[in-house]
PDB file of N, CA and C in Angstrom:
ATOM      1  N   MET A   1     130.389  96.505 147.770  1.00  0.00           N
ATOM      2  CA  MET A   1     129.906  96.972 146.479  1.00  0.00           C
ATOM      3  C   MET A   1     129.274  95.819 145.722  1.00  0.00           C
ATOM      4  N   GLU A   2     128.015  95.991 145.295  1.00  0.00           N
ATOM      5  CA  GLU A   2     127.307  94.927 144.600  1.00  0.00           C
ATOM      6  C   GLU A   2     127.681  94.913 143.127  1.00  0.00           C
ATOM      7  N   GLU A   3     127.631  93.700 142.570  1.00  0.00           N
ATOM      8  CA  GLU A   3     127.878  93.580 141.138  1.00  0.00           C
ATOM      9  C   GLU A   3     126.632  94.019 140.381  1.00  0.00           C
ATOM     10  N   LYS A   4     126.813  94.430 139.149  1.00  0.00           N
ATOM     11  CA  LYS A   4     125.699  94.922 138.335  1.00  0.00           C
ATOM     12  C   LYS A   4     124.603  93.871 138.147  1.00  0.00           C
ATOM     13  N   PRO A   5     124.921  92.577 137.857  1.00  0.00           N
ATOM     14  CA  PRO A   5     123.841  91.591 137.711  1.00  0.00           C
ATOM     15  C   PRO A   5     122.981  91.467 138.962  1.00  0.00           C
ATOM     16  N   VAL A   6     123.572  91.580 140.120  1.00  0.00           N
ATOM     17  CA  VAL A   6     122.823  91.495 141.378  1.00  0.00           C
ATOM     18  C   VAL A   6     121.911  92.708 141.512  1.00  0.00           C
ATOM     19  N   GLN A   7     122.411  93.866 141.147  1.00  0.00           N
ATOM     20  CA  GLN A   7     121.594  95.080 141.190  1.00  0.00           C
ATOM     21  C   GLN A   7     120.420  94.956 140.222  1.00  0.00           C
ATOM     22  N   ASN A   8     120.689  94.434 139.026  1.00  0.00           N
ATOM     23  CA  ASN A   8     119.631  94.259 138.038  1.00  0.00           C
ATOM     24  C   ASN A   8     118.581  93.278 138.528  1.00  0.00           C
ATOM     25  N   LEU A   9     119.014  92.224 139.183  1.00  0.00           N
ATOM     26  CA  LEU A   9     118.088  91.230 139.706  1.00  0.00           C
ATOM     27  C   LEU A   9     117.190  91.849 140.783  1.00  0.00           C
ATOM     28  N   LYS A  10     117.776  92.660 141.650  1.00  0.00           N
ATOM     29  CA  LYS A  10     116.984  93.330 142.684  1.00  0.00           C
ATOM     30  C   LYS A  10     115.951  94.266 142.058  1.00  0.00           C
ATOM     31  N   LYS A  11     116.365  95.016 141.039  1.00  0.00           N
ATOM     32  CA  LYS A  11     115.434  95.917 140.363  1.00  0.00           C
ATOM     33  C   LYS A  11     114.313  95.131 139.703  1.00  0.00           C
ATOM     34  N   LEU A  12     114.661  94.016 139.087  1.00  0.00           N
ATOM     35  CA  LEU A  12     113.656  93.178 138.437  1.00  0.00           C
ATOM     36  C   LEU A  12     112.654  92.656 139.462  1.00  0.00           C
ATOM     37  N   LYS A  13     113.143  92.218 140.606  1.00  0.00           N
ATOM     38  CA  LYS A  13     112.248  91.735 141.660  1.00  0.00           C
ATOM     39  C   LYS A  13     111.321  92.842 142.142  1.00  0.00           C
ATOM     40  N   GLU A  14     111.842  94.057 142.259  1.00  0.00           N
ATOM     41  CA  GLU A  14     111.019  95.188 142.677  1.00  0.00           C
ATOM     42  C   GLU A  14     109.921  95.475 141.653  1.00  0.00           C
ATOM     43  N   VAL A  15     110.292  95.459 140.373  1.00  0.00           N
ATOM     44  CA  VAL A  15     109.309  95.724 139.317  1.00  0.00           C
ATOM     45  C   VAL A  15     108.239  94.640 139.310  1.00  0.00           C
ATOM     46  N   LEU A  16     108.661  93.379 139.413  1.00  0.00           N
ATOM     47  CA  LEU A  16     107.699  92.275 139.427  1.00  0.00           C
ATOM     48  C   LEU A  16     106.782  92.348 140.639  1.00  0.00           C
ATOM     49  N   SER A  17     107.347  92.697 141.779  1.00  0.00           N
ATOM     50  CA  SER A  17     106.543  92.837 142.990  1.00  0.00           C
ATOM     51  C   SER A  17     105.498  93.933 142.812  1.00  0.00           C
ATOM     52  N   GLU A  18     105.907  95.027 142.218  1.00  0.00           N
ATOM     53  CA  GLU A  18     104.985  96.145 141.966  1.00  0.00           C
ATOM     54  C   GLU A  18     103.881  95.726 140.990  1.00  0.00           C
ATOM     55  N   LEU A  19     104.253  94.991 139.960  1.00  0.00           N
ATOM     56  CA  LEU A  19     103.269  94.558 138.961  1.00  0.00           C
ATOM     57  C   LEU A  19     102.263  93.551 139.514  1.00  0.00           C
ATOM     58  N   MET A  20     102.618  92.861 140.559  1.00  0.00           N
ATOM     59  CA  MET A  20     101.725  91.847 141.125  1.00  0.00           C
ATOM     60  C   MET A  20     100.636  92.461 142.009  1.00  0.00           C
ATOM     61  N   GLN A  21     100.701  93.759 142.249  1.00  0.00           N
ATOM     62  CA  GLN A  21      99.667  94.430 143.033  1.00  0.00           C
ATOM     63  C   GLN A  21      98.342  94.360 142.268  1.00  0.00           C
ATOM     64  N   PRO A  22      97.233  94.103 142.968  1.00  0.00           N
ATOM     65  CA  PRO A  22      95.935  93.961 142.294  1.00  0.00           C
ATOM     66  C   PRO A  22      95.559  95.137 141.393  1.00  0.00           C
ATOM     67  N   GLU A  23      95.920  96.337 141.801  1.00  0.00           N
ATOM     68  CA  GLU A  23      95.550  97.511 140.999  1.00  0.00           C
ATOM     69  C   GLU A  23      96.351  97.616 139.697  1.00  0.00           C
ATOM     70  N   LYS A  24      97.339  96.768 139.530  1.00  0.00           N
ATOM     71  CA  LYS A  24      98.175  96.785 138.320  1.00  0.00           C
ATOM     72  C   LYS A  24      97.750  95.716 137.312  1.00  0.00           C
ATOM     73  N   LYS A  25      96.550  95.172 137.473  1.00  0.00           N
ATOM     74  CA  LYS A  25      96.092  94.080 136.610  1.00  0.00           C
ATOM     75  C   LYS A  25      96.100  94.483 135.131  1.00  0.00           C
ATOM     76  N   LYS A  26      95.594  95.676 134.814  1.00  0.00           N
ATOM     77  CA  LYS A  26      95.552  96.118 133.425  1.00  0.00           C
ATOM     78  C   LYS A  26      96.957  96.261 132.848  1.00  0.00           C
ATOM     79  N   VAL A  27      97.876  96.733 133.654  1.00  0.00           N
ATOM     80  CA  VAL A  27      99.260  96.880 133.202  1.00  0.00           C
ATOM     81  C   VAL A  27      99.853  95.501 132.903  1.00  0.00           C
ATOM     82  N   ARG A  28      99.601  94.539 133.802  1.00  0.00           N
ATOM     83  CA  ARG A  28     100.092  93.170 133.587  1.00  0.00           C
ATOM     84  C   ARG A  28      99.536  92.591 132.299  1.00  0.00           C
ATOM     85  N   GLU A  29      98.220  92.741 132.110  1.00  0.00           N
ATOM     86  CA  GLU A  29      97.589  92.205 130.907  1.00  0.00           C
ATOM     87  C   GLU A  29      98.166  92.854 129.652  1.00  0.00           C
ATOM     88  N   SER A  30      98.360  94.149 129.710  1.00  0.00           N
ATOM     89  CA  SER A  30      98.916  94.866 128.568  1.00  0.00           C
ATOM     90  C   SER A  30     100.329  94.372 128.259  1.00  0.00           C
ATOM     91  N   LEU A  31     101.135  94.198 129.291  1.00  0.00           N
ATOM     92  CA  LEU A  31     102.501  93.707 129.093  1.00  0.00           C
ATOM     93  C   LEU A  31     102.505  92.291 128.517  1.00  0.00           C
ATOM     94  N   CYS A  32     101.603  91.452 129.001  1.00  0.00           N
ATOM     95  CA  CYS A  32     101.512  90.083 128.487  1.00  0.00           C
ATOM     96  C   CYS A  32     101.117  90.093 127.013  1.00  0.00           C
ATOM     97  N   ASN A  33     100.162  90.950 126.657  1.00  0.00           N
ATOM     98  CA  ASN A  33      99.751  91.057 125.260  1.00  0.00           C
ATOM     99  C   ASN A  33     100.894  91.548 124.374  1.00  0.00           C
ATOM    100  N   GLU A  34     101.608  92.542 124.857  1.00  0.00           N
ATOM    101  CA  GLU A  34     102.746  93.060 124.098  1.00  0.00           C
ATOM    102  C   GLU A  34     103.822  91.990 123.930  1.00  0.00           C
ATOM    103  N   ALA A  35     104.073  91.236 124.984  1.00  0.00           N
ATOM    104  CA  ALA A  35     105.078  90.171 124.909  1.00  0.00           C
ATOM    105  C   ALA A  35     104.663  89.101 123.904  1.00  0.00           C
ATOM    106  N   ALA A  36     103.397  88.759 123.893  1.00  0.00           N
ATOM    107  CA  ALA A  36     102.906  87.752 122.934  1.00  0.00           C
ATOM    108  C   ALA A  36     103.044  88.260 121.507  1.00  0.00           C
ATOM    109  N   ARG A  37     102.708  89.528 121.286  1.00  0.00           N
ATOM    110  CA  ARG A  37     102.859  90.100 119.938  1.00  0.00           C
ATOM    111  C   ARG A  37     104.325  90.145 119.525  1.00  0.00           C
ATOM    112  N   ALA A  38     105.191  90.509 120.448  1.00  0.00           N
ATOM    113  CA  ALA A  38     106.623  90.572 120.151  1.00  0.00           C
ATOM    114  C   ALA A  38     107.167  89.187 119.817  1.00  0.00           C
ATOM    115  N   LYS A  39     106.711  88.189 120.555  1.00  0.00           N
ATOM    116  CA  LYS A  39     107.162  86.821 120.305  1.00  0.00           C
ATOM    117  C   LYS A  39     106.717  86.357 118.919  1.00  0.00           C
ATOM    118  N   GLU A  40     105.480  86.657 118.544  1.00  0.00           N
ATOM    119  CA  GLU A  40     104.954  86.274 117.234  1.00  0.00           C
ATOM    120  C   GLU A  40     105.720  86.994 116.123  1.00  0.00           C
ATOM    121  N   LEU A  41     106.009  88.272 116.328  1.00  0.00           N
ATOM    122  CA  LEU A  41     106.765  89.035 115.341  1.00  0.00           C
ATOM    123  C   LEU A  41     108.172  88.464 115.183  1.00  0.00           C
ATOM    124  N   ALA A  42     108.811  88.140 116.292  1.00  0.00           N
ATOM    125  CA  ALA A  42     110.148  87.557 116.234  1.00  0.00           C
ATOM    126  C   ALA A  42     110.130  86.224 115.487  1.00  0.00           C
ATOM    127  N   LYS A  43     109.081  85.451 115.708  1.00  0.00           N
ATOM    128  CA  LYS A  43     108.939  84.170 115.025  1.00  0.00           C
ATOM    129  C   LYS A  43     108.821  84.387 113.515  1.00  0.00           C
ATOM    130  N   LYS A  44     108.004  85.359 113.111  1.00  0.00           N
ATOM    131  CA  LYS A  44     107.833  85.653 111.689  1.00  0.00           C
ATOM    132  C   LYS A  44     109.127  86.166 111.071  1.00  0.00           C
ATOM    133  N   LEU A  45     109.799  87.042 111.795  1.00  0.00           N
ATOM    134  CA  LEU A  45     111.042  87.587 111.260  1.00  0.00           C
ATOM    135  C   LEU A  45     112.089  86.504 111.082  1.00  0.00           C
ATOM    136  N   SER A  46     112.181  85.611 112.041  1.00  0.00           N
ATOM    137  CA  SER A  46     113.186  84.556 111.919  1.00  0.00           C
ATOM    138  C   SER A  46     112.831  83.613 110.777  1.00  0.00           C
ATOM    139  N   ARG A  47     111.529  83.379 110.557  1.00  0.00           N
ATOM    140  CA  ARG A  47     111.116  82.533 109.433  1.00  0.00           C
ATOM    141  C   ARG A  47     111.482  83.208 108.116  1.00  0.00           C
ATOM    142  N   ARG A  48     111.248  84.522 108.025  1.00  0.00           N
ATOM    143  CA  ARG A  48     111.630  85.253 106.812  1.00  0.00           C
ATOM    144  C   ARG A  48     113.130  85.185 106.582  1.00  0.00           C
ATOM    145  N   ALA A  49     113.890  85.301 107.658  1.00  0.00           N
ATOM    146  CA  ALA A  49     115.346  85.231 107.528  1.00  0.00           C
ATOM    147  C   ALA A  49     115.780  83.855 107.025  1.00  0.00           C
ATOM    148  N   ARG A  50     115.123  82.802 107.530  1.00  0.00           N
ATOM    149  CA  ARG A  50     115.465  81.455 107.051  1.00  0.00           C
ATOM    150  C   ARG A  50     115.071  81.293 105.590  1.00  0.00           C
ATOM    151  N   LEU A  51     113.916  81.824 105.196  1.00  0.00           N
ATOM    152  CA  LEU A  51     113.511  81.770 103.786  1.00  0.00           C
ATOM    153  C   LEU A  51     114.531  82.474 102.905  1.00  0.00           C
ATOM    154  N   LYS A  52     114.962  83.631 103.353  1.00  0.00           N
ATOM    155  CA  LYS A  52     115.930  84.403 102.570  1.00  0.00           C
ATOM    156  C   LYS A  52     117.242  83.639 102.448  1.00  0.00           C
ATOM    157  N   ALA A  53     117.667  83.004 103.533  1.00  0.00           N
ATOM    158  CA  ALA A  53     118.910  82.236 103.515  1.00  0.00           C
ATOM    159  C   ALA A  53     118.826  81.056 102.547  1.00  0.00           C
ATOM    160  N   LEU A  54     117.632  80.501 102.392  1.00  0.00           N
ATOM    161  CA  LEU A  54     117.441  79.378 101.463  1.00  0.00           C
ATOM    162  C   LEU A  54     117.120  79.867 100.053  1.00  0.00           C
ATOM    163  N   HIS A  55     117.131  81.184  99.842  1.00  0.00           N
ATOM    164  CA  HIS A  55     116.808  81.785  98.544  1.00  0.00           C
ATOM    165  C   HIS A  55     115.421  81.353  98.083  1.00  0.00           C
ATOM    166  N   MET A  56     114.469  81.387  99.008  1.00  0.00           N
ATOM    167  CA  MET A  56     113.096  81.007  98.711  1.00  0.00           C
ATOM    168  C   MET A  56     112.184  82.175  99.054  1.00  0.00           C
ATOM    169  N   ASP A  57     111.036  82.208  98.421  1.00  0.00           N
ATOM    170  CA  ASP A  57     110.033  83.204  98.775  1.00  0.00           C
ATOM    171  C   ASP A  57     108.688  82.508  98.956  1.00  0.00           C
ATOM    172  N   ALA A  58     107.665  83.282  99.232  1.00  0.00           N
ATOM    173  CA  ALA A  58     106.346  82.713  99.531  1.00  0.00           C
ATOM    174  C   ALA A  58     105.790  81.908  98.361  1.00  0.00           C
ATOM    175  N   SER A  59     106.097  82.319  97.123  1.00  0.00           N
ATOM    176  CA  SER A  59     105.573  81.583  95.972  1.00  0.00           C
ATOM    177  C   SER A  59     106.169  80.175  95.900  1.00  0.00           C
ATOM    178  N   VAL A  60     107.425  80.040  96.286  1.00  0.00           N
ATOM    179  CA  VAL A  60     108.052  78.707  96.310  1.00  0.00           C
ATOM    180  C   VAL A  60     107.371  77.837  97.357  1.00  0.00           C
ATOM    181  N   LEU A  61     107.100  78.414  98.510  1.00  0.00           N
ATOM    182  CA  LEU A  61     106.417  77.656  99.564  1.00  0.00           C
ATOM    183  C   LEU A  61     105.025  77.222  99.120  1.00  0.00           C
ATOM    184  N   ARG A  62     104.305  78.129  98.465  1.00  0.00           N
ATOM    185  CA  ARG A  62     102.967  77.766  97.963  1.00  0.00           C
ATOM    186  C   ARG A  62     103.068  76.608  96.981  1.00  0.00           C
ATOM    187  N   SER A  63     104.049  76.658  96.102  1.00  0.00           N
ATOM    188  CA  SER A  63     104.236  75.580  95.128  1.00  0.00           C
ATOM    189  C   SER A  63     104.524  74.258  95.830  1.00  0.00           C
ATOM    190  N   LEU A  64     105.362  74.302  96.852  1.00  0.00           N
ATOM    191  CA  LEU A  64     105.693  73.074  97.583  1.00  0.00           C
ATOM    192  C   LEU A  64     104.464  72.502  98.282  1.00  0.00           C
ATOM    193  N   ARG A  65     103.662  73.384  98.857  1.00  0.00           N
ATOM    194  CA  ARG A  65     102.470  72.928  99.571  1.00  0.00           C
ATOM    195  C   ARG A  65     101.412  72.355  98.632  1.00  0.00           C
ATOM    196  N   GLN A  66     101.454  72.728  97.362  1.00  0.00           N
ATOM    197  CA  GLN A  66     100.448  72.251  96.414  1.00  0.00           C
ATOM    198  C   GLN A  66     100.757  70.856  95.867  1.00  0.00           C
ATOM    199  N   ILE A  67     101.939  70.359  96.102  1.00  0.00           N
ATOM    200  CA  ILE A  67     102.285  69.012  95.627  1.00  0.00           C
ATOM    201  C   ILE A  67     101.495  68.017  96.467  1.00  0.00           C
ATOM    202  N   VAL A  68     100.604  67.271  95.821  1.00  0.00           N
ATOM    203  CA  VAL A  68      99.670  66.419  96.545  1.00  0.00           C
ATOM    204  C   VAL A  68     100.277  65.077  96.930  1.00  0.00           C
ATOM    205  N   GLU A  69     100.824  64.343  95.977  1.00  0.00           N
ATOM    206  CA  GLU A  69     101.383  63.025  96.271  1.00  0.00           C
ATOM    207  C   GLU A  69     102.773  62.886  95.660  1.00  0.00           C
ATOM    208  N   PRO A  70     103.774  63.459  96.316  1.00  0.00           N
ATOM    209  CA  PRO A  70     105.134  63.362  95.773  1.00  0.00           C
ATOM    210  C   PRO A  70     105.736  61.977  96.039  1.00  0.00           C
ATOM    211  N   LYS A  71     106.773  61.669  95.292  1.00  0.00           N
ATOM    212  CA  LYS A  71     107.519  60.432  95.564  1.00  0.00           C
ATOM    213  C   LYS A  71     108.194  60.587  96.921  1.00  0.00           C
ATOM    214  N   LYS A  72     108.556  59.474  97.531  1.00  0.00           N
ATOM    215  CA  LYS A  72     109.120  59.468  98.889  1.00  0.00           C
ATOM    216  C   LYS A  72     110.321  60.399  99.002  1.00  0.00           C
ATOM    217  N   GLN A  73     111.243  60.342  98.056  1.00  0.00           N
ATOM    218  CA  GLN A  73     112.454  61.165  98.130  1.00  0.00           C
ATOM    219  C   GLN A  73     112.111  62.658  98.049  1.00  0.00           C
ATOM    220  N   VAL A  74     111.173  63.011  97.175  1.00  0.00           N
ATOM    221  CA  VAL A  74     110.758  64.407  97.047  1.00  0.00           C
ATOM    222  C   VAL A  74     110.068  64.852  98.331  1.00  0.00           C
ATOM    223  N   HIS A  75     109.232  63.990  98.870  1.00  0.00           N
ATOM    224  CA  HIS A  75     108.530  64.300 100.121  1.00  0.00           C
ATOM    225  C   HIS A  75     109.527  64.567 101.241  1.00  0.00           C
ATOM    226  N   ASP A  76     110.545  63.722 101.345  1.00  0.00           N
ATOM    227  CA  ASP A  76     111.553  63.888 102.404  1.00  0.00           C
ATOM    228  C   ASP A  76     112.265  65.237 102.292  1.00  0.00           C
ATOM    229  N   VAL A  77     112.567  65.644 101.057  1.00  0.00           N
ATOM    230  CA  VAL A  77     113.246  66.931 100.863  1.00  0.00           C
ATOM    231  C   VAL A  77     112.314  68.084 101.234  1.00  0.00           C
ATOM    232  N   ILE A  78     111.046  67.986 100.815  1.00  0.00           N
ATOM    233  CA  ILE A  78     110.079  69.044 101.142  1.00  0.00           C
ATOM    234  C   ILE A  78     109.886  69.146 102.651  1.00  0.00           C
ATOM    235  N   VAL A  79     109.760  67.997 103.320  1.00  0.00           N
ATOM    236  CA  VAL A  79     109.622  68.000 104.781  1.00  0.00           C
ATOM    237  C   VAL A  79     110.848  68.638 105.420  1.00  0.00           C
ATOM    238  N   ALA A  80     112.029  68.310 104.914  1.00  0.00           N
ATOM    239  CA  ALA A  80     113.261  68.894 105.458  1.00  0.00           C
ATOM    240  C   ALA A  80     113.242  70.421 105.333  1.00  0.00           C
ATOM    241  N   PHE A  81     112.799  70.929 104.174  1.00  0.00           N
ATOM    242  CA  PHE A  81     112.693  72.383 103.998  1.00  0.00           C
ATOM    243  C   PHE A  81     111.789  72.998 105.052  1.00  0.00           C
ATOM    244  N   PHE A  82     110.620  72.399 105.245  1.00  0.00           N
ATOM    245  CA  PHE A  82     109.673  72.964 106.209  1.00  0.00           C
ATOM    246  C   PHE A  82     110.200  72.868 107.640  1.00  0.00           C
ATOM    247  N   LEU A  83     110.900  71.809 107.960  1.00  0.00           N
ATOM    248  CA  LEU A  83     111.471  71.693 109.308  1.00  0.00           C
ATOM    249  C   LEU A  83     112.560  72.743 109.523  1.00  0.00           C
ATOM    250  N   ILE A  84     113.367  72.974 108.497  1.00  0.00           N
ATOM    251  CA  ILE A  84     114.398  74.017 108.593  1.00  0.00           C
ATOM    252  C   ILE A  84     113.757  75.378 108.817  1.00  0.00           C
ATOM    253  N   LEU A  85     112.592  75.577 108.208  1.00  0.00           N
ATOM    254  CA  LEU A  85     111.883  76.849 108.360  1.00  0.00           C
ATOM    255  C   LEU A  85     111.163  76.968 109.693  1.00  0.00           C
ATOM    256  N   GLY A  86     111.236  75.909 110.510  1.00  0.00           N
ATOM    257  CA  GLY A  86     110.629  75.979 111.832  1.00  0.00           C
ATOM    258  C   GLY A  86     109.224  75.432 111.906  1.00  0.00           C
ATOM    259  N   GLU A  87     108.785  74.768 110.868  1.00  0.00           N
ATOM    260  CA  GLU A  87     107.444  74.178 110.877  1.00  0.00           C
ATOM    261  C   GLU A  87     107.411  73.035 111.882  1.00  0.00           C
ATOM    262  N   TYR A  88     106.315  72.904 112.588  1.00  0.00           N
ATOM    263  CA  TYR A  88     106.142  71.821 113.552  1.00  0.00           C
ATOM    264  C   TYR A  88     106.079  70.490 112.811  1.00  0.00           C
ATOM    265  N   GLU A  89     106.842  69.521 113.258  1.00  0.00           N
ATOM    266  CA  GLU A  89     106.925  68.237 112.563  1.00  0.00           C
ATOM    267  C   GLU A  89     105.568  67.553 112.413  1.00  0.00           C
ATOM    268  N   GLY A  90     104.678  67.747 113.369  1.00  0.00           N
ATOM    269  CA  GLY A  90     103.355  67.151 113.310  1.00  0.00           C
ATOM    270  C   GLY A  90     102.478  67.699 112.185  1.00  0.00           C
ATOM    271  N   HIS A  91     102.897  68.840 111.612  1.00  0.00           N
ATOM    272  CA  HIS A  91     102.134  69.429 110.502  1.00  0.00           C
ATOM    273  C   HIS A  91     102.495  68.813 109.162  1.00  0.00           C
ATOM    274  N   THR A  92     103.471  67.936 109.135  1.00  0.00           N
ATOM    275  CA  THR A  92     103.870  67.310 107.872  1.00  0.00           C
ATOM    276  C   THR A  92     103.241  65.939 107.782  1.00  0.00           C
ATOM    277  N   ARG A  93     102.749  65.610 106.595  1.00  0.00           N
ATOM    278  CA  ARG A  93     102.094  64.319 106.391  1.00  0.00           C
ATOM    279  C   ARG A  93     103.129  63.225 106.158  1.00  0.00           C
ATOM    280  N   VAL A  94     102.752  62.013 106.493  1.00  0.00           N
ATOM    281  CA  VAL A  94     103.583  60.857 106.184  1.00  0.00           C
ATOM    282  C   VAL A  94     103.378  60.537 104.726  1.00  0.00           C
ATOM    283  N   CYS A  95     104.460  60.304 104.029  1.00  0.00           N
ATOM    284  CA  CYS A  95     104.370  60.006 102.596  1.00  0.00           C
ATOM    285  C   CYS A  95     103.889  58.584 102.388  1.00  0.00           C
ATOM    286  N   THR A  96     102.888  58.420 101.533  1.00  0.00           N
ATOM    287  CA  THR A  96     102.365  57.083 101.241  1.00  0.00           C
ATOM    288  C   THR A  96     102.842  56.587  99.878  1.00  0.00           C
ATOM    289  N   GLY A  97     103.479  57.461  99.102  1.00  0.00           N
ATOM    290  CA  GLY A  97     103.895  57.102  97.750  1.00  0.00           C
ATOM    291  C   GLY A  97     105.294  56.599  97.650  1.00  0.00           C
TER     292      GLY A  97
END
């Protein structure tokens, strides 16, 4: 008697094998597009959840982004907020002030 994970793995291999057939190209492309959209949606939802947890909204973020030359300590706190929200570290400027 096979365990359920092994059965699931076999089914997954069968589905993948079927999808790799040349005539299934449109199905593959459609699935890839759907997966990309789902990933982007999940990313947005998790960012919203982090904003909500920090009791912040889009207007607060806009205000933070408009600060042109903050003092070093303020800059560090703003960068920390954006990193917590999942912003890529390379998108944050080095503070010169």
